[in-house]
Protein backbone atom coordinates (compact mmCIF):
# COMPACT_ATOMS: atom_id res chain seq x y z
CA MET A 1 -58.32 5.57 -2.23
CA ILE A 2 -57.17 7.15 1.06
CA PRO A 3 -58.28 5.18 4.19
CA ARG A 4 -60.09 7.18 6.86
CA GLY A 5 -60.58 6.80 10.62
CA PRO A 6 -58.11 6.34 13.50
CA ILE A 7 -57.47 2.62 12.90
CA ALA A 8 -57.06 3.09 9.18
CA LEU A 9 -54.78 6.06 9.75
CA ALA A 10 -52.59 4.06 12.16
CA ALA A 11 -52.41 1.22 9.66
CA ALA A 12 -51.41 3.65 6.93
CA MET A 13 -48.71 5.18 9.11
CA LEU A 14 -47.33 1.71 9.93
CA LEU A 15 -47.17 0.84 6.25
CA PHE A 16 -45.40 4.13 5.55
CA LEU A 17 -42.77 3.51 8.25
CA LEU A 18 -42.14 -0.03 7.06
CA ALA A 19 -41.74 1.20 3.51
CA ALA A 20 -39.41 4.02 4.55
CA ALA A 21 -37.12 1.84 6.67
CA PRO A 22 -34.08 0.46 4.84
CA ALA A 23 -34.62 -3.10 3.73
CA PRO A 24 -32.25 -5.39 5.64
CA LEU A 25 -29.26 -6.61 3.68
CA GLU A 26 -29.36 -10.35 3.67
CA ALA A 27 -25.92 -11.89 4.13
CA ALA A 28 -24.61 -13.75 1.13
CA GLU A 29 -23.86 -16.75 3.34
CA GLU A 30 -26.05 -17.28 6.35
CA GLU A 31 -24.45 -20.50 7.55
CA THR A 32 -22.96 -20.00 11.00
CA THR A 33 -20.26 -22.46 9.92
CA MET A 34 -18.65 -19.76 7.73
CA ARG A 35 -15.11 -19.18 8.96
CA VAL A 36 -15.11 -16.46 11.60
CA ARG A 37 -12.58 -13.65 11.12
CA ASP A 38 -10.73 -12.82 14.33
CA ILE A 39 -9.71 -9.17 13.98
CA GLY A 40 -8.75 -8.53 17.61
CA SER A 41 -8.30 -4.79 18.05
CA ARG A 42 -6.31 -4.15 14.86
CA TRP A 43 -7.22 -1.86 12.00
CA GLU A 44 -8.89 -3.55 9.04
CA LEU A 45 -8.86 -1.86 5.64
CA PHE A 46 -11.10 -2.56 2.65
CA VAL A 47 -8.27 -3.07 0.17
CA ASP A 48 -9.78 -6.51 -0.48
CA ASP A 49 -12.99 -8.39 0.31
CA TRP A 50 -11.59 -10.25 3.31
CA LEU A 51 -14.26 -8.77 5.60
CA VAL A 52 -16.95 -8.20 2.98
CA ASP A 53 -19.82 -10.65 2.80
CA ALA A 54 -22.28 -8.62 0.72
CA LEU A 55 -22.63 -5.20 -0.87
CA LYS A 56 -25.98 -3.67 -1.77
CA GLY A 57 -25.91 -0.38 -3.62
CA THR A 58 -22.31 0.15 -2.47
CA ARG A 59 -18.97 -0.61 -4.09
CA LEU A 60 -15.29 -0.86 -3.30
CA ARG A 61 -13.86 2.40 -4.61
CA LEU A 62 -10.18 2.89 -5.50
CA HIS A 63 -8.81 6.28 -4.46
CA HIS A 64 -6.00 7.97 -6.37
CA PRO A 65 -3.04 9.75 -4.73
CA VAL A 66 -2.95 13.52 -5.23
CA PRO A 67 0.22 14.90 -6.86
CA ARG A 68 2.20 17.29 -4.66
CA GLU A 69 5.63 18.87 -4.83
CA VAL A 70 8.87 17.55 -6.32
CA VAL A 71 10.93 16.51 -3.27
CA LEU A 72 14.19 15.47 -4.89
CA ARG A 73 15.94 16.24 -8.15
CA PHE A 74 18.53 13.84 -9.52
CA ASP A 75 20.91 16.54 -10.64
CA LYS A 76 24.30 15.61 -9.18
CA PRO A 77 27.18 14.19 -11.29
CA TRP A 78 26.98 10.86 -9.41
CA GLU A 79 23.21 10.54 -10.00
CA GLY A 80 22.77 10.87 -13.76
CA LEU A 81 19.88 9.93 -16.03
CA PHE A 82 19.23 6.51 -14.54
CA CYS A 83 18.53 7.05 -10.85
CA GLY A 84 15.99 4.49 -9.73
CA TYR A 85 14.78 1.75 -7.39
CA VAL A 86 13.88 4.20 -4.62
CA THR A 87 13.15 3.10 -1.04
CA VAL A 88 11.55 5.33 1.61
CA LEU A 89 11.41 4.25 5.24
CA ARG A 90 10.77 5.82 8.63
CA ASP A 91 13.37 5.49 11.38
CA GLY A 92 11.87 7.06 14.50
CA ASP A 93 11.48 10.78 13.78
CA LEU A 94 13.71 10.60 10.70
CA PHE A 95 12.72 9.63 7.17
CA ARG A 96 15.40 7.90 5.10
CA LEU A 97 15.45 7.56 1.33
CA TYR A 98 17.73 5.37 -0.78
CA TYR A 99 18.19 5.23 -4.55
CA ARG A 100 20.58 4.22 -7.29
CA GLY A 101 22.98 6.74 -8.77
CA TRP A 102 24.52 6.14 -12.20
CA VAL A 103 27.93 7.69 -12.78
CA GLN A 104 28.86 8.12 -16.45
CA VAL A 105 32.43 9.04 -17.36
CA GLY A 106 32.88 8.82 -21.11
CA LYS A 107 31.78 5.34 -22.14
CA ALA A 108 32.42 3.93 -18.68
CA SER A 109 29.66 3.81 -16.08
CA SER A 110 29.37 2.73 -12.46
CA GLN A 111 26.49 2.48 -10.04
CA VAL A 112 26.30 3.71 -6.46
CA ALA A 113 23.73 3.73 -3.65
CA CYS A 114 22.70 7.22 -2.50
CA THR A 115 20.66 8.50 0.43
CA ALA A 116 18.58 11.51 1.46
CA GLU A 117 17.02 12.51 4.80
CA SER A 118 13.94 14.36 6.01
CA ARG A 119 12.22 15.26 9.26
CA ASP A 120 8.74 15.51 7.76
CA GLY A 121 8.84 13.50 4.54
CA ILE A 122 8.41 16.72 2.54
CA ALA A 123 11.68 18.70 2.73
CA TRP A 124 14.58 16.40 1.87
CA THR A 125 18.34 16.98 2.03
CA LYS A 126 21.25 15.06 0.58
CA PRO A 127 23.81 14.75 3.39
CA SER A 128 27.49 15.17 2.62
CA LEU A 129 28.87 11.91 4.01
CA GLY A 130 32.45 11.82 2.74
CA LEU A 131 32.46 8.02 2.61
CA PHE A 132 33.38 7.39 -1.03
CA GLU A 133 35.07 9.41 -3.74
CA VAL A 134 32.69 9.46 -6.70
CA ALA A 135 32.89 11.68 -9.79
CA GLY A 136 36.00 13.25 -8.37
CA THR A 137 34.64 14.25 -4.95
CA LYS A 138 33.85 12.89 -1.49
CA ASP A 139 31.35 15.71 -0.93
CA ASN A 140 28.41 13.47 -1.78
CA ASN A 141 25.54 11.42 -0.35
CA VAL A 142 26.83 8.01 -1.44
CA VAL A 143 26.47 5.21 1.13
CA LEU A 144 27.82 2.37 -1.01
CA ALA A 145 30.15 2.29 -3.99
CA HIS A 146 32.45 -0.20 -5.77
CA ALA A 147 29.96 -2.95 -4.97
CA GLU A 148 28.26 -3.77 -8.27
CA PRO A 149 25.93 -5.48 -9.00
CA VAL A 150 24.61 -4.88 -5.46
CA THR A 151 24.42 -1.13 -6.08
CA HIS A 152 22.28 -1.68 -9.18
CA ASN A 153 19.24 -2.39 -7.00
CA PHE A 154 20.34 -1.92 -3.38
CA CYS A 155 17.17 -2.19 -1.27
CA PRO A 156 17.35 -1.55 2.52
CA PHE A 157 14.81 -2.06 5.28
CA LEU A 158 14.64 -1.38 9.01
CA ASP A 159 14.64 -4.74 10.76
CA THR A 160 11.91 -4.71 13.41
CA ARG A 161 12.39 -8.32 14.51
CA PRO A 162 12.60 -8.44 18.34
CA GLY A 163 16.13 -9.10 19.54
CA VAL A 164 17.91 -8.13 16.33
CA PRO A 165 21.52 -7.05 17.08
CA LYS A 166 22.08 -3.29 16.97
CA SER A 167 24.83 -3.80 14.41
CA GLN A 168 22.21 -5.31 12.07
CA ARG A 169 19.34 -2.91 12.72
CA PHE A 170 19.27 -2.15 9.00
CA LYS A 171 19.51 -4.85 6.38
CA ALA A 172 19.57 -4.77 2.60
CA VAL A 173 19.96 -6.96 -0.47
CA GLY A 174 21.10 -6.34 -4.00
CA GLY A 175 22.44 -8.27 -6.94
CA SER A 176 21.74 -9.93 -10.27
CA ARG A 177 20.79 -13.32 -11.66
CA LYS A 178 24.49 -14.13 -11.96
CA SER A 179 25.52 -12.99 -8.48
CA GLY A 180 22.35 -13.84 -6.56
CA LEU A 181 21.13 -11.51 -3.81
CA ILE A 182 23.97 -10.40 -1.52
CA PRO A 183 23.10 -9.43 2.09
CA TYR A 184 24.29 -6.19 3.72
CA VAL A 185 23.80 -4.86 7.25
CA SER A 186 24.20 -1.50 8.99
CA PRO A 187 23.82 -0.14 12.53
CA ASP A 188 22.72 3.32 11.39
CA GLY A 189 21.49 3.11 7.78
CA THR A 190 24.61 4.91 6.55
CA HIS A 191 27.62 2.65 7.10
CA TRP A 192 27.09 -0.67 5.34
CA LYS A 193 29.04 -3.93 5.18
CA ARG A 194 28.46 -7.35 3.70
CA LEU A 195 26.84 -9.80 6.08
CA ARG A 196 28.54 -12.59 4.18
CA ALA A 197 30.21 -13.09 0.80
CA LYS A 198 27.88 -15.81 -0.46
CA PRO A 199 24.43 -14.86 -1.81
CA ILE A 200 21.43 -15.70 0.33
CA ILE A 201 18.91 -16.12 -2.53
CA THR A 202 19.98 -17.51 -5.91
CA LYS A 203 16.84 -18.61 -7.76
CA GLY A 204 15.36 -15.61 -9.54
CA ALA A 205 15.92 -13.03 -12.25
CA PHE A 206 16.56 -10.20 -9.74
CA ASP A 207 16.80 -7.54 -12.49
CA SER A 208 14.47 -5.19 -10.61
CA GLN A 209 14.03 -3.96 -7.04
CA ASN A 210 14.15 -7.00 -4.76
CA VAL A 211 12.15 -6.27 -1.61
CA PRO A 212 12.93 -7.83 1.81
CA PHE A 213 11.32 -7.13 5.20
CA TRP A 214 10.55 -8.70 8.56
CA SER A 215 6.90 -9.73 8.88
CA ALA A 216 5.56 -9.77 12.43
CA HIS A 217 2.37 -11.22 10.94
CA GLU A 218 4.11 -14.31 9.56
CA GLN A 219 7.04 -14.27 12.01
CA ALA A 220 9.52 -14.56 9.18
CA TYR A 221 11.68 -12.56 6.83
CA LEU A 222 10.09 -12.25 3.40
CA CYS A 223 11.61 -11.29 0.08
CA TYR A 224 9.62 -10.44 -3.06
CA PHE A 225 11.54 -10.33 -6.33
CA ARG A 226 11.47 -10.52 -10.12
CA ILE A 227 10.85 -13.68 -12.07
CA PHE A 228 9.64 -14.26 -15.61
CA ARG A 229 6.60 -16.44 -16.33
CA ASN A 230 5.81 -17.18 -19.97
CA GLY A 231 7.94 -14.20 -20.93
CA VAL A 232 6.03 -11.83 -18.63
CA ARG A 233 7.66 -9.96 -15.74
CA SER A 234 6.17 -11.36 -12.56
CA ILE A 235 6.87 -11.77 -8.85
CA ALA A 236 7.96 -14.61 -6.57
CA ARG A 237 8.58 -14.72 -2.86
CA THR A 238 10.70 -16.67 -0.40
CA THR A 239 10.82 -16.79 3.41
CA SER A 240 13.47 -17.13 6.10
CA LYS A 241 13.69 -17.33 9.87
CA ASP A 242 17.25 -15.96 10.12
CA PHE A 243 17.75 -13.86 6.93
CA LEU A 244 20.48 -16.28 5.79
CA THR A 245 18.69 -19.51 4.89
CA TRP A 246 15.71 -19.10 2.58
CA THR A 247 13.01 -21.41 1.23
CA ASP A 248 12.68 -22.21 -2.45
CA PRO A 249 10.89 -19.31 -4.14
CA LYS A 250 7.22 -19.67 -5.03
CA PRO A 251 5.46 -17.62 -7.72
CA MET A 252 2.84 -15.18 -6.54
CA SER A 253 -0.69 -15.58 -7.90
CA PHE A 254 -2.99 -12.72 -8.88
CA GLY A 255 -6.40 -14.36 -9.07
CA ASP A 256 -8.38 -14.31 -12.28
CA THR A 257 -6.69 -11.21 -13.71
CA PRO A 258 -4.89 -10.51 -16.99
CA TRP A 259 -1.18 -11.21 -17.29
CA GLU A 260 0.62 -7.87 -17.18
CA HIS A 261 4.28 -6.91 -16.83
CA LEU A 262 4.84 -5.85 -13.22
CA TYR A 263 8.28 -4.33 -13.27
CA THR A 264 8.69 -3.58 -9.56
CA ASN A 265 6.54 -4.99 -6.77
CA GLN A 266 7.07 -2.57 -3.80
CA THR A 267 5.41 -4.93 -1.31
CA HIS A 268 5.61 -3.85 2.33
CA PRO A 269 3.61 -3.99 5.60
CA TYR A 270 1.20 -1.09 5.88
CA PHE A 271 2.27 1.02 8.87
CA ARG A 272 -1.20 1.13 10.50
CA ALA A 273 -2.06 -2.50 9.81
CA PRO A 274 1.18 -4.50 9.31
CA HIS A 275 -0.70 -7.76 8.76
CA ILE A 276 -1.75 -6.26 5.41
CA TYR A 277 0.99 -5.87 2.83
CA ILE A 278 0.45 -3.01 0.41
CA ALA A 279 2.06 -3.25 -3.04
CA THR A 280 2.33 -0.41 -5.55
CA PRO A 281 4.03 -2.07 -8.51
CA ALA A 282 5.04 -0.34 -11.71
CA ARG A 283 2.98 -1.77 -14.58
CA PHE A 284 5.09 -1.84 -17.74
CA PHE A 285 3.90 -1.87 -21.35
CA PRO A 286 6.87 -2.78 -23.55
CA GLY A 287 6.60 -1.43 -27.08
CA LYS A 288 3.58 0.76 -26.33
CA GLN A 289 5.01 4.02 -27.62
CA VAL A 290 3.46 7.41 -26.84
CA LEU A 291 6.31 9.83 -27.57
CA THR A 292 7.47 10.45 -31.11
CA PRO A 293 11.24 10.47 -31.73
CA GLU A 294 11.04 14.23 -32.21
CA GLN A 295 9.24 14.73 -28.88
CA ALA A 296 11.73 12.49 -27.08
CA LYS A 297 14.70 14.34 -28.56
CA ALA A 298 13.25 17.72 -27.64
CA ARG A 299 12.95 16.60 -24.01
CA GLY A 300 16.44 15.12 -23.92
CA VAL A 301 15.17 11.57 -23.37
CA HIS A 302 17.90 8.96 -23.75
CA PRO A 303 17.48 7.43 -27.24
CA GLY A 304 16.74 3.97 -25.83
CA TYR A 305 14.04 5.04 -23.39
CA PHE A 306 10.96 6.40 -25.13
CA ARG A 307 9.43 3.39 -26.88
CA ASP A 308 7.51 2.06 -23.85
CA CYS A 309 5.19 3.47 -21.18
CA SER A 310 4.14 2.56 -17.66
CA ASP A 311 1.89 3.47 -14.74
CA SER A 312 1.26 2.12 -11.24
CA VAL A 313 -1.36 -0.24 -9.82
CA LEU A 314 -2.46 -1.19 -6.30
CA MET A 315 -2.33 -4.71 -4.91
CA SER A 316 -2.42 -6.19 -1.42
CA SER A 317 -1.62 -9.44 0.32
CA ARG A 318 -2.32 -10.96 3.72
CA GLY A 319 0.62 -13.34 3.53
CA GLY A 320 1.23 -16.48 1.53
CA THR A 321 1.59 -16.51 -2.22
CA ARG A 322 -1.52 -14.60 -3.27
CA TYR A 323 -1.90 -10.97 -4.24
CA ASP A 324 -5.36 -9.42 -4.34
CA ARG A 325 -5.89 -7.38 -7.53
CA THR A 326 -9.39 -6.09 -6.91
CA PHE A 327 -8.57 -3.08 -9.08
CA LEU A 328 -7.12 -3.38 -12.56
CA GLU A 329 -7.32 0.36 -13.19
CA ALA A 330 -4.23 2.50 -12.65
CA PHE A 331 -3.53 3.63 -9.10
CA ILE A 332 -1.31 6.48 -10.36
CA ARG A 333 -1.53 7.63 -13.99
CA PRO A 334 1.33 9.31 -15.87
CA GLY A 335 -0.69 12.54 -16.05
CA LEU A 336 -0.41 15.68 -18.13
CA GLY A 337 2.79 16.52 -20.00
CA LEU A 338 5.10 14.37 -22.08
CA GLN A 339 7.83 13.92 -19.49
CA ASN A 340 6.14 10.93 -17.84
CA TRP A 341 5.19 9.01 -20.98
CA GLY A 342 8.62 7.58 -21.68
CA SER A 343 10.08 4.22 -20.70
CA ARG A 344 10.23 3.36 -17.01
CA CYS A 345 8.65 6.57 -15.77
CA ASN A 346 6.13 6.64 -12.91
CA TYR A 347 7.78 3.92 -10.83
CA PRO A 348 6.64 4.31 -7.20
CA ALA A 349 9.22 4.17 -4.43
CA LEU A 350 9.02 1.31 -1.97
CA GLY A 351 7.14 2.52 1.10
CA VAL A 352 3.97 4.40 2.03
CA VAL A 353 4.71 6.58 5.06
CA PRO A 354 2.74 8.96 7.35
CA THR A 355 3.60 12.61 6.67
CA GLY A 356 0.97 14.62 8.53
CA GLU A 357 -2.26 14.53 10.47
CA GLY A 358 -4.58 12.34 8.44
CA GLU A 359 -2.08 12.17 5.57
CA MET A 360 0.27 9.58 4.12
CA SER A 361 2.65 9.87 1.18
CA VAL A 362 3.89 7.73 -1.67
CA TYR A 363 6.79 8.91 -3.82
CA VAL A 364 6.95 8.44 -7.58
CA GLN A 365 9.87 8.69 -9.95
CA ARG A 366 9.23 11.09 -12.83
CA GLY A 367 11.10 11.88 -16.03
CA TYR A 368 13.27 8.76 -16.11
CA ALA A 369 16.25 8.83 -18.49
CA GLN A 370 15.84 12.60 -18.83
CA PRO A 371 17.91 15.53 -17.54
CA THR A 372 14.88 16.63 -15.48
CA GLY A 373 14.55 13.32 -13.61
CA CYS A 374 13.08 13.74 -10.13
CA LEU A 375 11.05 12.24 -7.31
CA GLN A 376 7.54 13.61 -6.72
CA ARG A 377 5.42 13.20 -3.60
CA PHE A 378 1.78 12.11 -3.79
CA THR A 379 -0.63 12.06 -0.86
CA LEU A 380 -3.61 10.04 0.32
CA ARG A 381 -5.86 10.19 3.32
CA THR A 382 -4.65 7.91 6.11
CA ASP A 383 -5.95 4.38 5.29
CA GLY A 384 -7.31 5.93 2.11
CA PHE A 385 -6.33 3.40 -0.55
CA VAL A 386 -9.87 2.05 -0.92
CA SER A 387 -13.27 2.75 0.61
CA VAL A 388 -16.67 1.17 0.73
CA ASN A 389 -18.55 3.91 -1.11
CA ALA A 390 -22.27 4.60 -0.90
CA PRO A 391 -23.94 7.02 -3.34
CA TYR A 392 -26.56 9.62 -2.44
CA ARG A 393 -29.37 7.11 -2.90
CA GLY A 394 -27.77 4.92 -0.21
CA GLY A 395 -26.49 1.41 0.18
CA GLU A 396 -25.30 -1.23 2.60
CA LEU A 397 -22.35 -3.41 3.56
CA ALA A 398 -22.60 -6.66 5.49
CA THR A 399 -19.46 -8.20 6.95
CA LYS A 400 -18.55 -11.81 7.35
CA PRO A 401 -18.74 -13.22 10.88
CA LEU A 402 -15.99 -11.82 13.07
CA THR A 403 -14.74 -11.75 16.63
CA PHE A 404 -12.99 -8.84 18.27
CA SER A 405 -11.36 -7.63 21.45
CA GLY A 406 -12.02 -4.15 22.74
CA LYS A 407 -14.86 -2.01 24.04
CA ARG A 408 -15.92 0.27 21.17
CA LEU A 409 -16.07 0.36 17.41
CA VAL A 410 -14.18 3.19 15.68
CA LEU A 411 -14.36 4.03 12.00
CA ASN A 412 -12.27 5.97 9.51
CA LEU A 413 -15.05 7.52 7.44
CA ALA A 414 -16.19 10.56 5.52
CA THR A 415 -19.70 11.66 4.56
CA SER A 416 -21.13 14.66 2.78
CA ALA A 417 -23.33 17.11 4.68
CA ALA A 418 -26.28 15.18 3.31
CA GLY A 419 -24.69 11.82 4.05
CA SER A 420 -24.83 9.49 7.02
CA LEU A 421 -23.78 6.09 8.35
CA ARG A 422 -25.38 3.76 10.87
CA VAL A 423 -24.22 0.40 12.16
CA GLU A 424 -26.30 -2.59 13.18
CA ILE A 425 -24.73 -5.54 15.00
CA ARG A 426 -26.04 -9.01 14.29
CA ASP A 427 -25.25 -12.43 15.64
CA ALA A 428 -23.39 -14.99 13.52
CA ALA A 429 -26.67 -16.22 12.01
CA GLY A 430 -27.56 -12.71 10.82
CA LYS A 431 -30.16 -11.86 13.49
CA PRO A 432 -30.01 -8.28 14.88
CA ILE A 433 -28.86 -8.20 18.51
CA PRO A 434 -31.30 -6.34 20.80
CA GLY A 435 -30.00 -2.90 21.72
CA TYR A 436 -27.72 -2.81 18.67
CA THR A 437 -30.33 -2.86 15.91
CA LEU A 438 -30.55 -0.32 13.13
CA ARG A 439 -33.37 1.47 14.97
CA ASP A 440 -31.07 1.82 17.99
CA ALA A 441 -28.09 3.06 15.97
CA LEU A 442 -27.11 6.71 16.22
CA SER A 443 -26.46 8.27 12.84
CA ILE A 444 -22.95 9.56 12.07
CA THR A 445 -22.37 12.50 9.74
CA GLY A 446 -18.95 14.03 9.30
CA ASP A 447 -15.34 13.21 8.54
CA GLY A 448 -12.92 11.58 10.96
CA LEU A 449 -10.12 9.06 11.26
CA GLU A 450 -11.54 7.52 14.44
CA ARG A 451 -15.26 8.19 14.84
CA THR A 452 -16.83 6.14 17.61
CA VAL A 453 -20.09 4.29 16.86
CA ALA A 454 -22.92 4.42 19.43
CA TRP A 455 -26.46 3.12 20.01
CA LYS A 456 -29.41 4.49 22.00
CA GLY A 457 -29.48 2.97 25.47
CA LYS A 458 -26.14 1.22 24.99
CA GLY A 459 -23.79 4.07 24.19
CA SER A 460 -20.56 2.88 22.64
CA ASP A 461 -19.88 0.02 25.06
CA LEU A 462 -19.34 -3.27 23.23
CA ALA A 463 -17.54 -5.13 26.00
CA PRO A 464 -20.43 -7.66 26.40
CA LEU A 465 -19.96 -8.74 22.76
CA ALA A 466 -16.16 -9.08 22.81
CA GLY A 467 -15.01 -12.55 21.80
CA LYS A 468 -18.43 -13.54 20.43
CA PRO A 469 -19.04 -14.09 16.70
CA ILE A 470 -20.94 -11.13 15.25
CA ARG A 471 -21.68 -9.51 11.90
CA LEU A 472 -21.73 -5.80 11.17
CA ARG A 473 -24.30 -4.18 8.92
CA PHE A 474 -23.50 -0.68 7.65
CA VAL A 475 -26.31 1.45 6.22
CA MET A 476 -24.75 4.39 4.40
CA LYS A 477 -25.64 7.38 2.26
CA ASP A 478 -23.18 9.57 0.32
CA ALA A 479 -20.38 8.19 2.45
CA ASP A 480 -17.01 6.45 2.33
CA LEU A 481 -15.86 3.89 4.89
CA TYR A 482 -12.08 3.39 4.78
CA ALA A 483 -11.25 1.27 7.79
CA LEU A 484 -12.52 -0.01 11.14
CA ARG A 485 -11.20 -1.34 14.40
CA PHE A 486 -12.43 -2.25 17.87
CA ALA A 487 -10.54 -0.07 20.36
CA GLU A 488 -9.67 -0.91 23.93
């Protein structure tokens, strides 16, 4: 029955508006004693649930890098079938790339460390350095030779620790279980020398890419490397204040996730949020054969390298001995064609780097142990590893209590033309703050890396709330939220 009369009509309209308004998302934990996250003015990504208190109709969505062009072919006599353990880093306006070359002369083989350079991360060149004679020529891009087993898995990094001597601006490690990890230093990333003869880390398997870096977040050098646990390839880490004396290694944990062979770890600080370490390990499936012997032979695959397969996964860490493995699905699949279904294919290089406006790149080794071995570039949106995704029917995200410094909230987000996003600010107990309620929030539609949030009557000014514990409530429709920060 339809009510009639002015009072009845007003009552009906009120009921309609209440029904149409989004139901508030109740926080999973309302206690104000929940630990408050201090995010300052840094970028926070949703690669884990560190900020997430509750999701309603939304989900954390893994995004997959888009395959682009082949940037490097391993086709020189000093590179061979077994180029690997690639590192990509950014040195000012220059991109540097390092990888293992495998020189085969008859039955004898030797390993060297090679380099390539780029101004944009897309077009790469192999400089003729003339430092070492390899395969009968000095006209090559070899930066280290006659240094096995260091050259088996030579892994450099740019040392960003304040006060580091210019002669040690670049550092690297390499070695085996027998030798331990040997330290090297360089002023320019090209001319390398041993820092000392003795190894700096001795407890580990090391038969993979061993990854060191300086962590401003933990104010220490970190090194992540191969260990075996119950016969499974896994990862441990150790720390140091001076790069020479290291703590006893501790195994990394992965939460309640299946044991899987993680061949490389590729852990490094994310360039936009260095307190978050991104890892893109190669996930290895020994004995899981896809190629037939005939298919392998037709492609020229080395006879010992077609009886396994591998892909890549995404992990993250905020320091300590825990990785977050929110996503067990592949980050990068082998894809169409048989060339990437052999052993040790699809290993990502160490390093995710910015390569354009709104774009970042990860590099993946393809066609391992084959004459067509190469390095292929893949791209993602900036910050675009994971998003909080809302479908067309809508959904919400509520954050844990947090404090911030800054004056406005900026978001990396994308919506459809039909989509939208609004933000409500609540106090630590979950009560909407006057002036910043959902009714006050201005709706955002569009796509941007730094869209500013605003409210009617308040604009975008959040200075009065800086330093106070708050919660954020996002009401979204057909939208992806990748990252947030409070800007000065």
